[in-house]
Amino acid sequence: MDVNEIWQRFISLLSEEPGIVDARWKKSAGIPFLYIYTVKADRQEVEQKIKRCAVRAMRGKRLNAETIFVRATDGEWVYRHRFYVPQEKMFCCGNLCSDCIRFR
């Protein structure tokens, strides 16, 4: 699984959403930033579209997504967005955790 393929699928799904004019991503100092140009002015609606497209892009993969708002100016929305593999426990600690390795 290549994260670049996930990013390409995510950006193409995001670009197809109604109200979004352009979507692209760029890494600065190793941190991926998502740039969205839209005609919508509602932050919740834009974030909902990001979440929906991220879920569709990650379908069938063991990934999580994290999106953090950075700034918005004149129809351009900037988010710090990343896809990451969740950390899992590798041994039983004996505390009867709900996600214990013994229950697999």
PDB file of N, CA and C in Angstrom:
ATOM      1  N   MET A   1       0.848  -1.178   0.000  1.00  0.00           N
ATOM      2  CA  MET A   1       0.000   0.000   0.000  1.00  0.00           C
ATOM      3  C   MET A   1       0.892   1.239   0.000  1.00  0.00           C
ATOM      4  N   ASP A   2       0.658   2.104  -0.936  1.00  0.00           N
ATOM      5  CA  ASP A   2       1.428   3.331  -1.064  1.00  0.00           C
ATOM      6  C   ASP A   2       0.529   4.505  -0.656  1.00  0.00           C
ATOM      7  N   VAL A   3       1.013   5.325   0.248  1.00  0.00           N
ATOM      8  CA  VAL A   3       0.218   6.461   0.721  1.00  0.00           C
ATOM      9  C   VAL A   3       0.004   7.475  -0.401  1.00  0.00           C
ATOM     10  N   ASN A   4       0.933   7.559  -1.359  1.00  0.00           N
ATOM     11  CA  ASN A   4       0.757   8.480  -2.485  1.00  0.00           C
ATOM     12  C   ASN A   4      -0.461   8.114  -3.321  1.00  0.00           C
ATOM     13  N   GLU A   5      -0.739   6.812  -3.458  1.00  0.00           N
ATOM     14  CA  GLU A   5      -1.942   6.380  -4.176  1.00  0.00           C
ATOM     15  C   GLU A   5      -3.204   6.816  -3.423  1.00  0.00           C
ATOM     16  N   ILE A   6      -3.169   6.707  -2.107  1.00  0.00           N
ATOM     17  CA  ILE A   6      -4.304   7.147  -1.286  1.00  0.00           C
ATOM     18  C   ILE A   6      -4.505   8.646  -1.470  1.00  0.00           C
ATOM     19  N   TRP A   7      -3.407   9.418  -1.445  1.00  0.00           N
ATOM     20  CA  TRP A   7      -3.507  10.868  -1.643  1.00  0.00           C
ATOM     21  C   TRP A   7      -4.093  11.209  -3.014  1.00  0.00           C
ATOM     22  N   GLN A   8      -3.644  10.514  -4.059  1.00  0.00           N
ATOM     23  CA  GLN A   8      -4.166  10.791  -5.406  1.00  0.00           C
ATOM     24  C   GLN A   8      -5.655  10.508  -5.487  1.00  0.00           C
ATOM     25  N   ARG A   9      -6.063   9.390  -4.921  1.00  0.00           N
ATOM     26  CA  ARG A   9      -7.503   9.060  -4.920  1.00  0.00           C
ATOM     27  C   ARG A   9      -8.286  10.082  -4.100  1.00  0.00           C
ATOM     28  N   PHE A  10      -7.749  10.464  -2.964  1.00  0.00           N
ATOM     29  CA  PHE A  10      -8.399  11.453  -2.097  1.00  0.00           C
ATOM     30  C   PHE A  10      -8.566  12.790  -2.819  1.00  0.00           C
ATOM     31  N   ILE A  11      -7.526  13.267  -3.472  1.00  0.00           N
ATOM     32  CA  ILE A  11      -7.586  14.550  -4.185  1.00  0.00           C
ATOM     33  C   ILE A  11      -8.556  14.477  -5.357  1.00  0.00           C
ATOM     34  N   SER A  12      -8.574  13.367  -6.086  1.00  0.00           N
ATOM     35  CA  SER A  12      -9.515  13.252  -7.206  1.00  0.00           C
ATOM     36  C   SER A  12     -10.955  13.208  -6.709  1.00  0.00           C
ATOM     37  N   LEU A  13     -11.219  12.499  -5.604  1.00  0.00           N
ATOM     38  CA  LEU A  13     -12.572  12.478  -5.037  1.00  0.00           C
ATOM     39  C   LEU A  13     -12.984  13.855  -4.536  1.00  0.00           C
ATOM     40  N   LEU A  14     -12.042  14.557  -3.936  1.00  0.00           N
ATOM     41  CA  LEU A  14     -12.327  15.892  -3.404  1.00  0.00           C
ATOM     42  C   LEU A  14     -12.600  16.888  -4.529  1.00  0.00           C
ATOM     43  N   SER A  15     -11.880  16.754  -5.631  1.00  0.00           N
ATOM     44  CA  SER A  15     -12.072  17.659  -6.769  1.00  0.00           C
ATOM     45  C   SER A  15     -13.426  17.464  -7.438  1.00  0.00           C
ATOM     46  N   GLU A  16     -13.988  16.268  -7.321  1.00  0.00           N
ATOM     47  CA  GLU A  16     -15.285  15.966  -7.919  1.00  0.00           C
ATOM     48  C   GLU A  16     -16.455  16.459  -7.084  1.00  0.00           C
ATOM     49  N   GLU A  17     -16.209  16.825  -5.837  1.00  0.00           N
ATOM     50  CA  GLU A  17     -17.283  17.284  -4.959  1.00  0.00           C
ATOM     51  C   GLU A  17     -17.879  18.599  -5.477  1.00  0.00           C
ATOM     52  N   PRO A  18     -19.211  18.738  -5.404  1.00  0.00           N
ATOM     53  CA  PRO A  18     -19.823  20.007  -5.834  1.00  0.00           C
ATOM     54  C   PRO A  18     -19.433  21.150  -4.900  1.00  0.00           C
ATOM     55  N   GLY A  19     -19.109  22.275  -5.482  1.00  0.00           N
ATOM     56  CA  GLY A  19     -18.727  23.446  -4.711  1.00  0.00           C
ATOM     57  C   GLY A  19     -17.227  23.600  -4.544  1.00  0.00           C
ATOM     58  N   ILE A  20     -16.478  22.557  -4.835  1.00  0.00           N
ATOM     59  CA  ILE A  20     -15.018  22.636  -4.726  1.00  0.00           C
ATOM     60  C   ILE A  20     -14.444  22.851  -6.120  1.00  0.00           C
ATOM     61  N   VAL A  21     -13.732  23.964  -6.270  1.00  0.00           N
ATOM     62  CA  VAL A  21     -13.165  24.326  -7.563  1.00  0.00           C
ATOM     63  C   VAL A  21     -11.861  23.568  -7.814  1.00  0.00           C
ATOM     64  N   ASP A  22     -10.989  23.513  -6.823  1.00  0.00           N
ATOM     65  CA  ASP A  22      -9.696  22.861  -6.983  1.00  0.00           C
ATOM     66  C   ASP A  22      -9.228  22.333  -5.627  1.00  0.00           C
ATOM     67  N   ALA A  23      -8.522  21.222  -5.655  1.00  0.00           N
ATOM     68  CA  ALA A  23      -7.939  20.653  -4.441  1.00  0.00           C
ATOM     69  C   ALA A  23      -6.562  20.133  -4.786  1.00  0.00           C
ATOM     70  N   ARG A  24      -5.596  20.413  -3.925  1.00  0.00           N
ATOM     71  CA  ARG A  24      -4.238  19.911  -4.131  1.00  0.00           C
ATOM     72  C   ARG A  24      -3.568  19.762  -2.779  1.00  0.00           C
ATOM     73  N   TRP A  25      -2.451  19.049  -2.755  1.00  0.00           N
ATOM     74  CA  TRP A  25      -1.702  18.885  -1.521  1.00  0.00           C
ATOM     75  C   TRP A  25      -0.234  19.111  -1.790  1.00  0.00           C
ATOM     76  N   LYS A  26       0.443  19.551  -0.743  1.00  0.00           N
ATOM     77  CA  LYS A  26       1.864  19.858  -0.848  1.00  0.00           C
ATOM     78  C   LYS A  26       2.505  19.608   0.507  1.00  0.00           C
ATOM     79  N   LYS A  27       3.726  19.063   0.475  1.00  0.00           N
ATOM     80  CA  LYS A  27       4.464  18.851   1.719  1.00  0.00           C
ATOM     81  C   LYS A  27       5.400  20.026   1.944  1.00  0.00           C
ATOM     82  N   SER A  28       5.340  20.569   3.143  1.00  0.00           N
ATOM     83  CA  SER A  28       6.264  21.619   3.567  1.00  0.00           C
ATOM     84  C   SER A  28       6.900  21.167   4.867  1.00  0.00           C
ATOM     85  N   ALA A  29       8.219  21.066   4.876  1.00  0.00           N
ATOM     86  CA  ALA A  29       8.969  20.604   6.042  1.00  0.00           C
ATOM     87  C   ALA A  29       8.500  19.221   6.496  1.00  0.00           C
ATOM     88  N   GLY A  30       8.101  18.389   5.534  1.00  0.00           N
ATOM     89  CA  GLY A  30       7.673  17.037   5.850  1.00  0.00           C
ATOM     90  C   GLY A  30       6.242  16.916   6.327  1.00  0.00           C
ATOM     91  N   ILE A  31       5.519  18.023   6.398  1.00  0.00           N
ATOM     92  CA  ILE A  31       4.135  18.016   6.865  1.00  0.00           C
ATOM     93  C   ILE A  31       3.216  18.233   5.662  1.00  0.00           C
ATOM     94  N   PRO A  32       2.261  17.321   5.412  1.00  0.00           N
ATOM     95  CA  PRO A  32       1.365  17.485   4.267  1.00  0.00           C
ATOM     96  C   PRO A  32       0.261  18.512   4.548  1.00  0.00           C
ATOM     97  N   PHE A  33       0.107  19.453   3.619  1.00  0.00           N
ATOM     98  CA  PHE A  33      -0.935  20.469   3.705  1.00  0.00           C
ATOM     99  C   PHE A  33      -1.898  20.285   2.552  1.00  0.00           C
ATOM    100  N   LEU A  34      -3.174  20.478   2.839  1.00  0.00           N
ATOM    101  CA  LEU A  34      -4.240  20.350   1.865  1.00  0.00           C
ATOM    102  C   LEU A  34      -4.762  21.737   1.537  1.00  0.00           C
ATOM    103  N   TYR A  35      -4.741  22.094   0.242  1.00  0.00           N
ATOM    104  CA  TYR A  35      -5.223  23.395  -0.220  1.00  0.00           C
ATOM    105  C   TYR A  35      -6.507  23.174  -1.010  1.00  0.00           C
ATOM    106  N   ILE A  36      -7.586  23.810  -0.578  1.00  0.00           N
ATOM    107  CA  ILE A  36      -8.889  23.652  -1.223  1.00  0.00           C
ATOM    108  C   ILE A  36      -9.391  25.025  -1.644  1.00  0.00           C
ATOM    109  N   TYR A  37      -9.765  25.141  -2.909  1.00  0.00           N
ATOM    110  CA  TYR A  37     -10.382  26.358  -3.423  1.00  0.00           C
ATOM    111  C   TYR A  37     -11.857  26.051  -3.637  1.00  0.00           C
ATOM    112  N   THR A  38     -12.706  26.825  -2.988  1.00  0.00           N
ATOM    113  CA  THR A  38     -14.131  26.517  -3.009  1.00  0.00           C
ATOM    114  C   THR A  38     -14.966  27.785  -3.089  1.00  0.00           C
ATOM    115  N   VAL A  39     -16.210  27.605  -3.502  1.00  0.00           N
ATOM    116  CA  VAL A  39     -17.154  28.721  -3.518  1.00  0.00           C
ATOM    117  C   VAL A  39     -17.977  28.741  -2.229  1.00  0.00           C
ATOM    118  N   LYS A  40     -17.849  27.694  -1.416  1.00  0.00           N
ATOM    119  CA  LYS A  40     -18.561  27.617  -0.141  1.00  0.00           C
ATOM    120  C   LYS A  40     -17.828  28.434   0.909  1.00  0.00           C
ATOM    121  N   ALA A  41     -18.590  29.009   1.828  1.00  0.00           N
ATOM    122  CA  ALA A  41     -17.986  29.808   2.894  1.00  0.00           C
ATOM    123  C   ALA A  41     -18.182  29.178   4.260  1.00  0.00           C
ATOM    124  N   ASP A  42     -18.746  27.983   4.295  1.00  0.00           N
ATOM    125  CA  ASP A  42     -19.038  27.324   5.558  1.00  0.00           C
ATOM    126  C   ASP A  42     -17.935  26.318   5.887  1.00  0.00           C
ATOM    127  N   ARG A  43     -17.250  26.542   6.989  1.00  0.00           N
ATOM    128  CA  ARG A  43     -16.130  25.687   7.378  1.00  0.00           C
ATOM    129  C   ARG A  43     -16.578  24.261   7.685  1.00  0.00           C
ATOM    130  N   GLN A  44     -17.709  24.116   8.358  1.00  0.00           N
ATOM    131  CA  GLN A  44     -18.197  22.777   8.702  1.00  0.00           C
ATOM    132  C   GLN A  44     -18.503  21.960   7.451  1.00  0.00           C
ATOM    133  N   GLU A  45     -19.060  22.599   6.444  1.00  0.00           N
ATOM    134  CA  GLU A  45     -19.389  21.894   5.209  1.00  0.00           C
ATOM    135  C   GLU A  45     -18.123  21.436   4.479  1.00  0.00           C
ATOM    136  N   VAL A  46     -17.109  22.286   4.446  1.00  0.00           N
ATOM    137  CA  VAL A  46     -15.845  21.930   3.803  1.00  0.00           C
ATOM    138  C   VAL A  46     -15.190  20.769   4.550  1.00  0.00           C
ATOM    139  N   GLU A  47     -15.174  20.830   5.872  1.00  0.00           N
ATOM    140  CA  GLU A  47     -14.564  19.759   6.661  1.00  0.00           C
ATOM    141  C   GLU A  47     -15.338  18.447   6.530  1.00  0.00           C
ATOM    142  N   GLN A  48     -16.641  18.545   6.366  1.00  0.00           N
ATOM    143  CA  GLN A  48     -17.455  17.346   6.169  1.00  0.00           C
ATOM    144  C   GLN A  48     -17.100  16.671   4.842  1.00  0.00           C
ATOM    145  N   LYS A  49     -16.891  17.478   3.802  1.00  0.00           N
ATOM    146  CA  LYS A  49     -16.506  16.938   2.498  1.00  0.00           C
ATOM    147  C   LYS A  49     -15.123  16.308   2.564  1.00  0.00           C
ATOM    148  N   ILE A  50     -14.210  16.921   3.295  1.00  0.00           N
ATOM    149  CA  ILE A  50     -12.866  16.352   3.455  1.00  0.00           C
ATOM    150  C   ILE A  50     -12.961  14.999   4.139  1.00  0.00           C
ATOM    151  N   LYS A  51     -13.729  14.921   5.217  1.00  0.00           N
ATOM    152  CA  LYS A  51     -13.862  13.673   5.971  1.00  0.00           C
ATOM    153  C   LYS A  51     -14.504  12.582   5.117  1.00  0.00           C
ATOM    154  N   ARG A  52     -15.551  12.935   4.371  1.00  0.00           N
ATOM    155  CA  ARG A  52     -16.247  11.956   3.539  1.00  0.00           C
ATOM    156  C   ARG A  52     -15.327  11.409   2.438  1.00  0.00           C
ATOM    157  N   CYS A  53     -14.563  12.275   1.800  1.00  0.00           N
ATOM    158  CA  CYS A  53     -13.648  11.831   0.745  1.00  0.00           C
ATOM    159  C   CYS A  53     -12.478  11.036   1.313  1.00  0.00           C
ATOM    160  N   ALA A  54     -12.011  11.393   2.500  1.00  0.00           N
ATOM    161  CA  ALA A  54     -10.923  10.638   3.134  1.00  0.00           C
ATOM    162  C   ALA A  54     -11.376   9.220   3.460  1.00  0.00           C
ATOM    163  N   VAL A  55     -12.594   9.081   3.949  1.00  0.00           N
ATOM    164  CA  VAL A  55     -13.123   7.757   4.275  1.00  0.00           C
ATOM    165  C   VAL A  55     -13.243   6.917   3.011  1.00  0.00           C
ATOM    166  N   ARG A  56     -13.709   7.511   1.925  1.00  0.00           N
ATOM    167  CA  ARG A  56     -13.830   6.786   0.664  1.00  0.00           C
ATOM    168  C   ARG A  56     -12.460   6.400   0.116  1.00  0.00           C
ATOM    169  N   ALA A  57     -11.466   7.261   0.275  1.00  0.00           N
ATOM    170  CA  ALA A  57     -10.118   6.965  -0.233  1.00  0.00           C
ATOM    171  C   ALA A  57      -9.439   5.876   0.589  1.00  0.00           C
ATOM    172  N   MET A  58      -9.757   5.789   1.882  1.00  0.00           N
ATOM    173  CA  MET A  58      -9.121   4.814   2.772  1.00  0.00           C
ATOM    174  C   MET A  58      -9.860   3.481   2.823  1.00  0.00           C
ATOM    175  N   ARG A  59     -10.978   3.360   2.157  1.00  0.00           N
ATOM    176  CA  ARG A  59     -11.805   2.161   2.244  1.00  0.00           C
ATOM    177  C   ARG A  59     -10.989   0.916   1.898  1.00  0.00           C
ATOM    178  N   GLY A  60     -11.040  -0.073   2.771  1.00  0.00           N
ATOM    179  CA  GLY A  60     -10.324  -1.319   2.549  1.00  0.00           C
ATOM    180  C   GLY A  60      -8.886  -1.297   3.042  1.00  0.00           C
ATOM    181  N   LYS A  61      -8.453  -0.187   3.590  1.00  0.00           N
ATOM    182  CA  LYS A  61      -7.083  -0.054   4.097  1.00  0.00           C
ATOM    183  C   LYS A  61      -7.140   0.175   5.604  1.00  0.00           C
ATOM    184  N   ARG A  62      -6.076  -0.170   6.299  1.00  0.00           N
ATOM    185  CA  ARG A  62      -6.010   0.071   7.747  1.00  0.00           C
ATOM    186  C   ARG A  62      -5.315   1.397   7.979  1.00  0.00           C
ATOM    187  N   LEU A  63      -6.013   2.485   7.713  1.00  0.00           N
ATOM    188  CA  LEU A  63      -5.474   3.836   7.864  1.00  0.00           C
ATOM    189  C   LEU A  63      -6.433   4.690   8.670  1.00  0.00           C
ATOM    190  N   ASN A  64      -5.917   5.747   9.221  1.00  0.00           N
ATOM    191  CA  ASN A  64      -6.710   6.795   9.849  1.00  0.00           C
ATOM    192  C   ASN A  64      -6.351   8.109   9.184  1.00  0.00           C
ATOM    193  N   ALA A  65      -7.221   9.089   9.306  1.00  0.00           N
ATOM    194  CA  ALA A  65      -6.955  10.420   8.763  1.00  0.00           C
ATOM    195  C   ALA A  65      -7.092  11.447   9.878  1.00  0.00           C
ATOM    196  N   GLU A  66      -6.296  12.479   9.776  1.00  0.00           N
ATOM    197  CA  GLU A  66      -6.341  13.580  10.740  1.00  0.00           C
ATOM    198  C   GLU A  66      -6.324  14.884   9.953  1.00  0.00           C
ATOM    199  N   THR A  67      -7.272  15.765  10.243  1.00  0.00           N
ATOM    200  CA  THR A  67      -7.376  17.045   9.550  1.00  0.00           C
ATOM    201  C   THR A  67      -7.425  18.159  10.580  1.00  0.00           C
ATOM    202  N   ILE A  68      -6.526  19.135  10.430  1.00  0.00           N
ATOM    203  CA  ILE A  68      -6.451  20.267  11.349  1.00  0.00           C
ATOM    204  C   ILE A  68      -6.504  21.557  10.536  1.00  0.00           C
ATOM    205  N   PHE A  69      -7.446  22.422  10.866  1.00  0.00           N
ATOM    206  CA  PHE A  69      -7.609  23.686  10.171  1.00  0.00           C
ATOM    207  C   PHE A  69      -6.405  24.598  10.416  1.00  0.00           C
ATOM    208  N   VAL A  70      -5.930  25.256   9.342  1.00  0.00           N
ATOM    209  CA  VAL A  70      -4.808  26.184   9.456  1.00  0.00           C
ATOM    210  C   VAL A  70      -5.270  27.608   9.207  1.00  0.00           C
ATOM    211  N   ARG A  71      -5.861  27.855   8.019  1.00  0.00           N
ATOM    212  CA  ARG A  71      -6.311  29.216   7.701  1.00  0.00           C
ATOM    213  C   ARG A  71      -7.281  29.191   6.521  1.00  0.00           C
ATOM    214  N   ALA A  72      -7.997  30.311   6.352  1.00  0.00           N
ATOM    215  CA  ALA A  72      -8.901  30.481   5.218  1.00  0.00           C
ATOM    216  C   ALA A  72      -8.832  31.924   4.743  1.00  0.00           C
ATOM    217  N   THR A  73      -8.651  32.113   3.437  1.00  0.00           N
ATOM    218  CA  THR A  73      -8.636  33.451   2.850  1.00  0.00           C
ATOM    219  C   THR A  73      -9.280  33.421   1.479  1.00  0.00           C
ATOM    220  N   ASP A  74     -10.310  34.213   1.264  1.00  0.00           N
ATOM    221  CA  ASP A  74     -10.952  34.405  -0.045  1.00  0.00           C
ATOM    222  C   ASP A  74     -11.186  33.122  -0.828  1.00  0.00           C
ATOM    223  N   GLY A  75     -11.842  32.170  -0.232  1.00  0.00           N
ATOM    224  CA  GLY A  75     -12.182  30.937  -0.926  1.00  0.00           C
ATOM    225  C   GLY A  75     -11.094  29.875  -0.898  1.00  0.00           C
ATOM    226  N   GLU A  76      -9.946  30.160  -0.310  1.00  0.00           N
ATOM    227  CA  GLU A  76      -8.891  29.162  -0.179  1.00  0.00           C
ATOM    228  C   GLU A  76      -8.849  28.679   1.269  1.00  0.00           C
ATOM    229  N   TRP A  77      -8.966  27.380   1.439  1.00  0.00           N
ATOM    230  CA  TRP A  77      -8.936  26.768   2.763  1.00  0.00           C
ATOM    231  C   TRP A  77      -7.672  25.934   2.847  1.00  0.00           C
ATOM    232  N   VAL A  78      -6.943  26.072   3.938  1.00  0.00           N
ATOM    233  CA  VAL A  78      -5.709  25.316   4.135  1.00  0.00           C
ATOM    234  C   VAL A  78      -5.854  24.472   5.397  1.00  0.00           C
ATOM    235  N   TYR A  79      -5.556  23.189   5.242  1.00  0.00           N
ATOM    236  CA  TYR A  79      -5.631  22.245   6.352  1.00  0.00           C
ATOM    237  C   TYR A  79      -4.338  21.448   6.412  1.00  0.00           C
ATOM    238  N   ARG A  80      -3.941  21.086   7.611  1.00  0.00           N
ATOM    239  CA  ARG A  80      -2.879  20.101   7.787  1.00  0.00           C
ATOM    240  C   ARG A  80      -3.588  18.759   7.825  1.00  0.00           C
ATOM    241  N   HIS A  81      -3.329  17.936   6.826  1.00  0.00           N
ATOM    242  CA  HIS A  81      -4.055  16.677   6.675  1.00  0.00           C
ATOM    243  C   HIS A  81      -3.058  15.554   6.484  1.00  0.00           C
ATOM    244  N   ARG A  82      -3.295  14.449   7.202  1.00  0.00           N
ATOM    245  CA  ARG A  82      -2.396  13.312   7.032  1.00  0.00           C
ATOM    246  C   ARG A  82      -3.156  12.007   7.147  1.00  0.00           C
ATOM    247  N   PHE A  83      -2.633  11.020   6.447  1.00  0.00           N
ATOM    248  CA  PHE A  83      -3.093   9.644   6.569  1.00  0.00           C
ATOM    249  C   PHE A  83      -2.019   8.901   7.342  1.00  0.00           C
ATOM    250  N   TYR A  84      -2.428   8.115   8.324  1.00  0.00           N
ATOM    251  CA  TYR A  84      -1.436   7.397   9.110  1.00  0.00           C
ATOM    252  C   TYR A  84      -1.958   6.018   9.508  1.00  0.00           C
ATOM    253  N   VAL A  85      -1.013   5.123   9.763  1.00  0.00           N
ATOM    254  CA  VAL A  85      -1.330   3.774  10.213  1.00  0.00           C
ATOM    255  C   VAL A  85      -1.478   3.818  11.727  1.00  0.00           C
ATOM    256  N   PRO A  86      -2.582   3.312  12.264  1.00  0.00           N
ATOM    257  CA  PRO A  86      -2.765   3.357  13.728  1.00  0.00           C
ATOM    258  C   PRO A  86      -1.775   2.446  14.437  1.00  0.00           C
ATOM    259  N   GLN A  87      -1.336   2.885  15.589  1.00  0.00           N
ATOM    260  CA  GLN A  87      -0.435   2.067  16.387  1.00  0.00           C
ATOM    261  C   GLN A  87      -1.255   1.001  17.109  1.00  0.00           C
ATOM    262  N   GLU A  88      -0.713  -0.185  17.149  1.00  0.00           N
ATOM    263  CA  GLU A  88      -1.416  -1.286  17.786  1.00  0.00           C
ATOM    264  C   GLU A  88      -0.562  -1.881  18.888  1.00  0.00           C
ATOM    265  N   LYS A  89      -1.224  -2.478  19.841  1.00  0.00           N
ATOM    266  CA  LYS A  89      -0.514  -3.161  20.915  1.00  0.00           C
ATOM    267  C   LYS A  89       0.100  -4.443  20.359  1.00  0.00           C
ATOM    268  N   MET A  90       1.299  -4.742  20.813  1.00  0.00           N
ATOM    269  CA  MET A  90       1.997  -5.928  20.343  1.00  0.00           C
ATOM    270  C   MET A  90       2.056  -7.027  21.406  1.00  0.00           C
ATOM    271  N   PHE A  91       1.615  -6.741  22.636  1.00  0.00           N
ATOM    272  CA  PHE A  91       1.656  -7.722  23.709  1.00  0.00           C
ATOM    273  C   PHE A  91       0.526  -7.416  24.692  1.00  0.00           C
ATOM    274  N   CYS A  92       0.221  -8.376  25.523  1.00  0.00           N
ATOM    275  CA  CYS A  92      -0.807  -8.205  26.542  1.00  0.00           C
ATOM    276  C   CYS A  92      -0.159  -7.606  27.790  1.00  0.00           C
ATOM    277  N   CYS A  93      -0.728  -6.492  28.270  1.00  0.00           N
ATOM    278  CA  CYS A  93      -0.173  -5.832  29.447  1.00  0.00           C
ATOM    279  C   CYS A  93      -0.816  -6.342  30.744  1.00  0.00           C
ATOM    280  N   GLY A  94      -1.897  -7.136  30.635  1.00  0.00           N
ATOM    281  CA  GLY A  94      -2.534  -7.706  31.811  1.00  0.00           C
ATOM    282  C   GLY A  94      -3.585  -6.814  32.452  1.00  0.00           C
ATOM    283  N   ASN A  95      -3.944  -5.696  31.817  1.00  0.00           N
ATOM    284  CA  ASN A  95      -4.919  -4.762  32.382  1.00  0.00           C
ATOM    285  C   ASN A  95      -6.338  -4.982  31.863  1.00  0.00           C
ATOM    286  N   LEU A  96      -6.574  -6.079  31.167  1.00  0.00           N
ATOM    287  CA  LEU A  96      -7.894  -6.421  30.619  1.00  0.00           C
ATOM    288  C   LEU A  96      -8.441  -5.333  29.689  1.00  0.00           C
ATOM    289  N   CYS A  97      -7.588  -4.844  28.811  1.00  0.00           N
ATOM    290  CA  CYS A  97      -7.988  -3.789  27.848  1.00  0.00           C
ATOM    291  C   CYS A  97      -8.990  -4.352  26.857  1.00  0.00           C
ATOM    292  N   SER A  98      -9.877  -3.474  26.349  1.00  0.00           N
ATOM    293  CA  SER A  98     -10.878  -3.909  25.382  1.00  0.00           C
ATOM    294  C   SER A  98     -10.271  -4.257  24.028  1.00  0.00           C
ATOM    295  N   ASP A  99      -9.107  -3.684  23.695  1.00  0.00           N
ATOM    296  CA  ASP A  99      -8.458  -3.956  22.419  1.00  0.00           C
ATOM    297  C   ASP A  99      -7.247  -4.887  22.582  1.00  0.00           C
ATOM    298  N   CYS A 100      -7.321  -5.789  23.525  1.00  0.00           N
ATOM    299  CA  CYS A 100      -6.200  -6.668  23.855  1.00  0.00           C
ATOM    300  C   CYS A 100      -5.844  -7.570  22.674  1.00  0.00           C
ATOM    301  N   ILE A 101      -4.574  -7.843  22.548  1.00  0.00           N
ATOM    302  CA  ILE A 101      -4.061  -8.704  21.480  1.00  0.00           C
ATOM    303  C   ILE A 101      -4.594 -10.133  21.623  1.00  0.00           C
ATOM    304  N   ARG A 102      -4.992 -10.522  22.836  1.00  0.00           N
ATOM    305  CA  ARG A 102      -5.506 -11.886  23.054  1.00  0.00           C
ATOM    306  C   ARG A 102      -6.857 -12.102  22.393  1.00  0.00           C
ATOM    307  N   PHE A 103      -7.619 -11.060  22.123  1.00  0.00           N
ATOM    308  CA  PHE A 103      -8.962 -11.200  21.593  1.00  0.00           C
ATOM    309  C   PHE A 103      -9.004 -11.326  20.067  1.00  0.00           C
ATOM    310  N   ARG A 104      -7.871 -11.413  19.434  1.00  0.00           N
ATOM    311  CA  ARG A 104      -7.858 -11.519  17.961  1.00  0.00           C
ATOM    312  C   ARG A 104      -7.914 -12.941  17.508  1.00  0.00           C
TER     313      ARG A 104
END
